[in-house]
C-alpha atoms as a PDB file:
ATOM      1  CA  MET A   1      -0.084   0.139  -0.135  1.00  0.00           C
ATOM      2  CA  SER A   2       1.525   3.386  -0.892  1.00  0.00           C
ATOM      3  CA  MET A   3       1.247   6.296   1.372  1.00  0.00           C
ATOM      4  CA  TYR A   4      -1.367   7.843  -0.585  1.00  0.00           C
ATOM      5  CA  GLU A   5      -3.646   4.839  -0.502  1.00  0.00           C
ATOM      6  CA  SER A   6      -4.591   5.835   3.163  1.00  0.00           C
ATOM      7  CA  THR A   7      -5.661   9.372   2.434  1.00  0.00           C
ATOM      8  CA  ALA A   8      -8.693  11.013   2.061  1.00  0.00           C
ATOM      9  CA  LEU A   9      -7.371  12.206  -1.266  1.00  0.00           C
ATOM     10  CA  HIS A  10      -6.980   8.640  -2.813  1.00  0.00           C
ATOM     11  CA  ALA A  11     -10.599   8.133  -1.531  1.00  0.00           C
ATOM     12  CA  PHE A  12     -11.875  11.107  -3.249  1.00  0.00           C
ATOM     13  CA  PHE A  13      -9.907  10.357  -6.479  1.00  0.00           C
ATOM     14  CA  SER A  14     -11.225   6.688  -6.357  1.00  0.00           C
ATOM     15  CA  GLU A  15     -14.896   7.628  -6.000  1.00  0.00           C
ATOM     16  CA  GLN A  16     -14.568  10.167  -8.618  1.00  0.00           C
ATOM     17  CA  VAL A  17     -12.875   7.651 -11.148  1.00  0.00           C
ATOM     18  CA  HIS A  18     -15.106   4.909 -10.444  1.00  0.00           C
ATOM     19  CA  ALA A  19     -18.074   7.257 -10.840  1.00  0.00           C
ATOM     20  CA  GLN A  20     -17.040   8.799 -13.888  1.00  0.00           C
ATOM     21  CA  PHE A  21     -16.137   5.335 -15.376  1.00  0.00           C
ATOM     22  CA  GLY A  22     -19.175   3.251 -14.090  1.00  0.00           C
ATOM     23  CA  TRP A  23     -20.815   3.556 -17.355  1.00  0.00           C
ATOM     24  CA  VAL A  24     -17.917   2.201 -19.479  1.00  0.00           C
ATOM     25  CA  PRO A  25     -18.700  -1.617 -19.423  1.00  0.00           C
ATOM     26  CA  HIS A  26     -15.087  -2.688 -20.495  1.00  0.00           C
ATOM     27  CA  LEU A  27     -13.530  -0.319 -17.990  1.00  0.00           C
ATOM     28  CA  ARG A  28     -15.768  -0.235 -15.111  1.00  0.00           C
ATOM     29  CA  ASN A  29     -14.495  -3.629 -13.731  1.00  0.00           C
ATOM     30  CA  ASP A  30     -10.900  -3.229 -14.728  1.00  0.00           C
ATOM     31  CA  GLN A  31      -9.533  -2.476 -11.311  1.00  0.00           C
ATOM     32  CA  PRO A  32      -5.856  -2.261 -12.239  1.00  0.00           C
ATOM     33  CA  THR A  33      -6.585   0.089 -14.999  1.00  0.00           C
ATOM     34  CA  LEU A  34      -8.866   2.331 -12.948  1.00  0.00           C
ATOM     35  CA  ASP A  35      -6.142   2.100  -9.943  1.00  0.00           C
ATOM     36  CA  HIS A  36      -3.657   3.402 -12.452  1.00  0.00           C
ATOM     37  CA  ILE A  37      -5.869   6.384 -13.359  1.00  0.00           C
ATOM     38  CA  VAL A  38      -6.309   7.253  -9.580  1.00  0.00           C
ATOM     39  CA  GLY A  39      -2.388   6.904  -9.161  1.00  0.00           C
ATOM     40  CA  ILE A  40      -2.021   9.401 -12.113  1.00  0.00           C
ATOM     41  CA  LEU A  41      -4.316  11.945 -10.136  1.00  0.00           C
ATOM     42  CA  GLU A  42      -2.442  11.436  -6.815  1.00  0.00           C
ATOM     43  CA  ASN A  43       0.928  11.594  -8.701  1.00  0.00           C
ATOM     44  CA  PHE A  44       0.176  14.890 -10.035  1.00  0.00           C
ATOM     45  CA  THR A  45      -1.038  16.373  -6.686  1.00  0.00           C
ATOM     46  CA  ARG A  46       2.786  16.393  -5.840  1.00  0.00           C
ATOM     47  CA  ALA A  47       4.473  19.745  -6.514  1.00  0.00           C
ATOM     48  CA  ASP A  48       7.702  17.893  -7.852  1.00  0.00           C
ATOM     49  CA  GLU A  49       5.666  16.248 -10.544  1.00  0.00           C
ATOM     50  CA  LEU A  50       3.772  19.194 -11.846  1.00  0.00           C
ATOM     51  CA  TYR A  51       5.138  20.620 -15.092  1.00  0.00           C
ATOM     52  CA  VAL A  52       6.332  24.216 -14.830  1.00  0.00           C
ATOM     53  CA  ASP A  53       5.085  26.684 -17.459  1.00  0.00           C
ATOM     54  CA  ASN A  54       8.175  28.312 -19.059  1.00  0.00           C
ATOM     55  CA  GLY A  55       6.099  29.795 -22.051  1.00  0.00           C
ATOM     56  CA  GLN A  56       6.616  26.909 -24.216  1.00  0.00           C
ATOM     57  CA  ARG A  57       3.685  25.371 -26.197  1.00  0.00           C
ATOM     58  CA  MET A  58       2.435  21.961 -24.837  1.00  0.00           C
ATOM     59  CA  ILE A  59       3.517  20.221 -28.225  1.00  0.00           C
ATOM     60  CA  GLU A  60       7.110  21.557 -27.814  1.00  0.00           C
ATOM     61  CA  VAL A  61       7.095  20.151 -24.406  1.00  0.00           C
ATOM     62  CA  ALA A  62       5.689  16.871 -25.480  1.00  0.00           C
ATOM     63  CA  ASP A  63       8.398  16.683 -27.991  1.00  0.00           C
ATOM     64  CA  GLU A  64      11.085  17.305 -25.536  1.00  0.00           C
ATOM     65  CA  PHE A  65       9.510  14.401 -23.224  1.00  0.00           C
ATOM     66  CA  LEU A  66       9.821  12.001 -26.296  1.00  0.00           C
ATOM     67  CA  SER A  67      13.472  12.956 -27.014  1.00  0.00           C
ATOM     68  CA  THR A  68      14.157  11.990 -23.249  1.00  0.00           C
ATOM     69  CA  ALA A  69      12.562   8.359 -23.785  1.00  0.00           C
ATOM     70  CA  ASP A  70      14.275   7.339 -26.831  1.00  0.00           C
ATOM     71  CA  PRO A  71      17.188   4.702 -25.824  1.00  0.00           C
ATOM     72  CA  VAL A  72      18.662   4.844 -29.415  1.00  0.00           C
ATOM     73  CA  PHE A  73      18.550   8.519 -30.439  1.00  0.00           C
ATOM     74  CA  GLY A  74      17.466  10.280 -27.435  1.00  0.00           C
ATOM     75  CA  SER A  75      18.714  10.491 -23.659  1.00  0.00           C
ATOM     76  CA  ALA A  76      17.195   7.366 -22.345  1.00  0.00           C
ATOM     77  CA  ARG A  77      20.173   5.328 -21.222  1.00  0.00           C
ATOM     78  CA  SER A  78      18.349   1.923 -21.212  1.00  0.00           C
ATOM     79  CA  PHE A  79      15.135   0.129 -22.280  1.00  0.00           C
ATOM     80  CA  ASP A  80      14.159   0.378 -18.535  1.00  0.00           C
ATOM     81  CA  GLU A  81      14.453   3.963 -18.466  1.00  0.00           C
ATOM     82  CA  GLU A  82      12.613   4.043 -21.833  1.00  0.00           C
ATOM     83  CA  TYR A  83       9.745   2.089 -20.171  1.00  0.00           C
ATOM     84  CA  GLU A  84       9.713   4.445 -17.227  1.00  0.00           C
ATOM     85  CA  ARG A  85       9.577   7.560 -19.419  1.00  0.00           C
ATOM     86  CA  ARG A  86       6.913   6.160 -21.521  1.00  0.00           C
ATOM     87  CA  ILE A  87       4.680   5.616 -18.764  1.00  0.00           C
ATOM     88  CA  TYR A  88       5.438   8.929 -17.362  1.00  0.00           C
ATOM     89  CA  ILE A  89       4.656  10.718 -20.852  1.00  0.00           C
ATOM     90  CA  GLY A  90       1.380   8.680 -21.300  1.00  0.00           C
ATOM     91  CA  ASP A  91       0.237   9.666 -17.881  1.00  0.00           C
ATOM     92  CA  THR A  92       1.129  13.262 -18.369  1.00  0.00           C
ATOM     93  CA  MET A  93      -0.581  13.364 -21.632  1.00  0.00           C
ATOM     94  CA  LEU A  94      -3.534  12.009 -19.980  1.00  0.00           C
ATOM     95  CA  PHE A  95      -3.542  14.317 -17.056  1.00  0.00           C
ATOM     96  CA  ILE A  96      -3.147  17.339 -19.468  1.00  0.00           C
ATOM     97  CA  LEU A  97      -5.859  16.209 -21.895  1.00  0.00           C
ATOM     98  CA  GLY A  98      -8.134  15.012 -19.271  1.00  0.00           C
ATOM     99  CA  ILE A  99      -7.882  16.916 -15.837  1.00  0.00           C
ATOM    100  CA  LEU A 100      -6.395  20.112 -17.120  1.00  0.00           C
ATOM    101  CA  TYR A 101      -8.015  20.235 -20.288  1.00  0.00           C
ATOM    102  CA  GLY A 102     -10.471  23.125 -19.497  1.00  0.00           C
ATOM    103  CA  GLY A 103      -7.881  25.450 -18.114  1.00  0.00           C
ATOM    104  CA  LEU A 104      -5.587  24.416 -21.117  1.00  0.00           C
ATOM    105  CA  THR A 105      -8.057  25.421 -23.777  1.00  0.00           C
ATOM    106  CA  ARG A 106      -8.877  28.533 -21.620  1.00  0.00           C
ATOM    107  CA  TYR A 107      -5.651  30.001 -20.835  1.00  0.00           C
ATOM    108  CA  HIS A 108      -3.475  28.452 -23.754  1.00  0.00           C
ATOM    109  CA  SER A 109      -4.317  28.451 -27.303  1.00  0.00           C
ATOM    110  CA  LEU A 110      -4.513  24.687 -28.328  1.00  0.00           C
ATOM    111  CA  GLU A 111      -4.661  24.139 -31.915  1.00  0.00           C
ATOM    112  CA  SER A 112      -6.980  21.094 -32.895  1.00  0.00           C
ATOM    113  CA  PHE A 113      -3.890  19.636 -34.486  1.00  0.00           C
ATOM    114  CA  GLU A 114      -1.692  20.038 -31.310  1.00  0.00           C
ATOM    115  CA  GLU A 115      -4.421  18.429 -29.312  1.00  0.00           C
ATOM    116  CA  ARG A 116      -4.600  15.372 -31.528  1.00  0.00           C
ATOM    117  CA  ARG A 117      -0.714  15.292 -31.548  1.00  0.00           C
ATOM    118  CA  LEU A 118      -0.667  15.174 -27.684  1.00  0.00           C
ATOM    119  CA  CYS A 119      -3.171  12.448 -27.720  1.00  0.00           C
ATOM    120  CA  GLU A 120      -1.180  10.394 -30.331  1.00  0.00           C
ATOM    121  CA  ILE A 121       1.889  10.948 -28.000  1.00  0.00           C
ATOM    122  CA  GLY A 122       0.033   9.634 -25.290  1.00  0.00           C
ATOM    123  CA  ILE A 123      -1.472   6.599 -27.098  1.00  0.00           C
ATOM    124  CA  GLU A 124       2.027   5.850 -28.508  1.00  0.00           C
ATOM    125  CA  SER A 125       3.699   6.203 -25.427  1.00  0.00           C
ATOM    126  CA  TYR A 126       1.171   3.733 -23.595  1.00  0.00           C
ATOM    127  CA  TYR A 127       1.491   1.403 -26.734  1.00  0.00           C
ATOM    128  CA  ILE A 128       5.108   1.076 -26.267  1.00  0.00           C
ATOM    129  CA  ALA A 129       4.921   0.492 -22.577  1.00  0.00           C
ATOM    130  CA  SER A 130       2.446  -2.396 -23.326  1.00  0.00           C
ATOM    131  CA  LYS A 131       5.187  -4.097 -25.412  1.00  0.00           C
ATOM    132  CA  PHE A 132       7.310  -4.423 -22.469  1.00  0.00           C
ATOM    133  CA  ASP A 133       5.842  -7.953 -21.769  1.00  0.00           C
ATOM    134  CA  PHE A 134       8.713  -9.689 -19.957  1.00  0.00           C
ATOM    135  CA  TRP A 135       9.871  -9.889 -16.505  1.00  0.00           C
ATOM    136  CA  GLU A 136       8.632  -7.494 -13.927  1.00  0.00           C
ATOM    137  CA  CYS A 137       6.765  -5.363 -16.469  1.00  0.00           C
ATOM    138  CA  ALA A 138       4.388  -8.405 -17.719  1.00  0.00           C
ATOM    139  CA  HIS A 139       1.806  -7.699 -15.153  1.00  0.00           C
ATOM    140  CA  LYS A 140       1.213  -4.256 -16.241  1.00  0.00           C
ATOM    141  CA  VAL A 141       0.758  -5.122 -19.933  1.00  0.00           C
ATOM    142  CA  PRO A 142      -3.152  -5.338 -19.707  1.00  0.00           C
ATOM    143  CA  VAL A 143      -3.432  -1.803 -18.029  1.00  0.00           C
ATOM    144  CA  PHE A 144      -1.232   0.066 -20.543  1.00  0.00           C
ATOM    145  CA  GLU A 145      -3.241  -1.828 -23.298  1.00  0.00           C
ATOM    146  CA  ALA A 146      -6.392  -0.563 -21.879  1.00  0.00           C
ATOM    147  CA  LEU A 147      -4.788   2.915 -21.762  1.00  0.00           C
ATOM    148  CA  TRP A 148      -3.710   2.984 -25.041  1.00  0.00           C
ATOM    149  CA  LYS A 149      -6.808   1.487 -26.719  1.00  0.00           C
ATOM    150  CA  ASN A 150      -9.129   3.885 -24.642  1.00  0.00           C
ATOM    151  CA  PHE A 151      -6.938   6.873 -24.403  1.00  0.00           C
ATOM    152  CA  ASP A 152      -9.382   9.426 -25.790  1.00  0.00           C
ATOM    153  CA  LEU A 153     -12.221   8.025 -24.020  1.00  0.00           C
ATOM    154  CA  ILE A 154     -10.519   8.032 -20.727  1.00  0.00           C
ATOM    155  CA  ALA A 155      -9.350  11.839 -21.319  1.00  0.00           C
ATOM    156  CA  THR A 156     -12.729  12.939 -22.208  1.00  0.00           C
ATOM    157  CA  GLU A 157     -14.243  11.170 -19.131  1.00  0.00           C
ATOM    158  CA  LEU A 158     -11.558  12.987 -17.013  1.00  0.00           C
ATOM    159  CA  ARG A 159     -12.699  16.206 -17.940  1.00  0.00           C
ATOM    160  CA  PRO A 160     -15.792  16.381 -15.408  1.00  0.00           C
ATOM    161  CA  VAL A 161     -13.321  15.312 -12.556  1.00  0.00           C
ATOM    162  CA  GLY A 162     -10.950  17.946 -13.372  1.00  0.00           C
ATOM    163  CA  GLN A 163     -14.126  20.255 -13.287  1.00  0.00           C
ATOM    164  CA  LYS A 164     -14.624  19.396  -9.847  1.00  0.00           C
ATOM    165  CA  ILE A 165     -11.152  19.474  -8.645  1.00  0.00           C
ATOM    166  CA  LEU A 166     -10.022  22.584 -10.345  1.00  0.00           C
ATOM    167  CA  GLY A 167     -13.456  24.437 -10.106  1.00  0.00           C
ATOM    168  CA  ARG A 168     -15.840  25.057 -13.036  1.00  0.00           C
ATOM    169  CA  ARG A 169     -14.550  28.701 -13.374  1.00  0.00           C
ATOM    170  CA  MET A 170     -11.451  27.011 -15.253  1.00  0.00           C
ATOM    171  CA  VAL A 171     -13.442  24.902 -17.679  1.00  0.00           C
ATOM    172  CA  GLN A 172     -15.345  26.674 -20.590  1.00  0.00           C
END
């Protein structure tokens, strides 16, 4: 059990995620995937996990993330590091396009092609993570498969959760 699992915050996120995905037949009973989504929300409540806006467009930030995940042409030193970074990238894109979407579209100009590209980056990152089907990574394959196959749906379903968390004034 992580330190977050015993907190009221975990209970709140878990309740919100389960309520939001209760109508989706192939996700409502997928406890490992729902737990991962709750974990994303918990993880991004930590200040050291938050992205600091330095004036770059989100697409530029996402492209920088991708370059750090490439073990051949980028800065990832191993395939293990690529795996961890791909998960982080997927989680970040899901958080941005789900929870932060209203604030992002209101305070930053997010072109439709950029939104689609961020979505593709998230899908690709989870897809690659789902291909690490050996050793200690094997048990997570179904979670990352569910995330890449349902990325758009999950991001869309997280938007009302973002409204509750961030307040309706941020969401258009």
